[in-house]
Amino acid sequence: MFKKLATFLKEVRLELKKVSWPTRKEISGSTGVVIIMVLIVAAYLGIVDNILQQLMLLLH
């Protein structure tokens, strides 16, 4: 049991060495894009929600 676990952990370590990790610049650029997109979608949904709310008030 412990031998299988040790083998598994060694293989995981070898695979992680093969991974192409992003640079700090790439991470901060991607994070910026995500934050901007979230703000755009939030603003859009807020505007649509407000319009629908006003329409419901007019109909009621």
Protein backbone atom coordinates (compact mmCIF):
# COMPACT_ATOMS: atom_id res chain seq x y z
CA MET A 1 0.00 0.00 0.00
CA PHE A 2 2.69 2.52 1.00
CA LYS A 3 4.85 1.46 -1.94
CA LYS A 4 2.02 2.28 -4.38
CA LEU A 5 1.53 5.66 -2.72
CA ALA A 6 5.24 6.45 -2.92
CA THR A 7 5.31 5.45 -6.60
CA PHE A 8 2.26 7.59 -7.30
CA LEU A 9 3.80 10.63 -5.60
CA LYS A 10 7.06 10.20 -7.54
CA GLU A 11 5.12 10.06 -10.81
CA VAL A 12 3.14 13.16 -9.86
CA ARG A 13 6.37 15.00 -9.15
CA LEU A 14 7.81 13.99 -12.53
CA GLU A 15 4.65 15.14 -14.34
CA LEU A 16 4.65 18.49 -12.54
CA LYS A 17 8.19 19.11 -13.76
CA LYS A 18 6.88 18.81 -17.34
CA VAL A 19 4.19 21.46 -16.83
CA SER A 20 4.71 24.79 -18.58
CA TRP A 21 3.94 27.23 -15.76
CA PRO A 22 2.80 30.76 -16.75
CA THR A 23 4.96 33.74 -15.93
CA ARG A 24 3.91 36.39 -13.43
CA LYS A 25 3.27 38.80 -16.33
CA GLU A 26 0.95 36.30 -18.05
CA ILE A 27 -0.96 35.68 -14.82
CA SER A 28 -1.45 39.37 -14.09
CA GLY A 29 -2.54 40.00 -17.69
CA SER A 30 -5.09 37.19 -17.58
CA THR A 31 -6.34 38.34 -14.18
CA GLY A 32 -6.83 41.86 -15.54
CA VAL A 33 -8.85 40.55 -18.48
CA VAL A 34 -11.05 38.48 -16.17
CA ILE A 35 -11.69 41.41 -13.81
CA ILE A 36 -12.57 43.74 -16.69
CA MET A 37 -14.94 41.16 -18.23
CA VAL A 38 -16.65 40.57 -14.88
CA LEU A 39 -17.19 44.32 -14.46
CA ILE A 40 -18.60 44.64 -18.00
CA VAL A 41 -21.00 41.72 -17.54
CA ALA A 42 -22.05 42.99 -14.09
CA ALA A 43 -22.79 46.45 -15.52
CA TYR A 44 -24.75 44.94 -18.42
CA LEU A 45 -26.83 42.75 -16.12
CA GLY A 46 -27.42 45.65 -13.75
CA ILE A 47 -28.70 47.82 -16.61
CA VAL A 48 -30.94 45.06 -17.97
CA ASP A 49 -32.27 44.34 -14.47
CA ASN A 50 -33.05 48.01 -13.92
CA ILE A 51 -34.86 48.27 -17.28
CA LEU A 52 -36.93 45.17 -16.55
CA GLN A 53 -37.74 46.44 -13.08
CA GLN A 54 -39.00 49.75 -14.51
CA LEU A 55 -41.10 47.88 -17.07
CA MET A 56 -42.66 45.75 -14.34
CA LEU A 57 -43.51 48.87 -12.34
CA LEU A 58 -45.19 50.41 -15.38
CA LEU A 59 -47.25 47.28 -16.01
CA HIS A 60 -48.31 46.85 -12.42
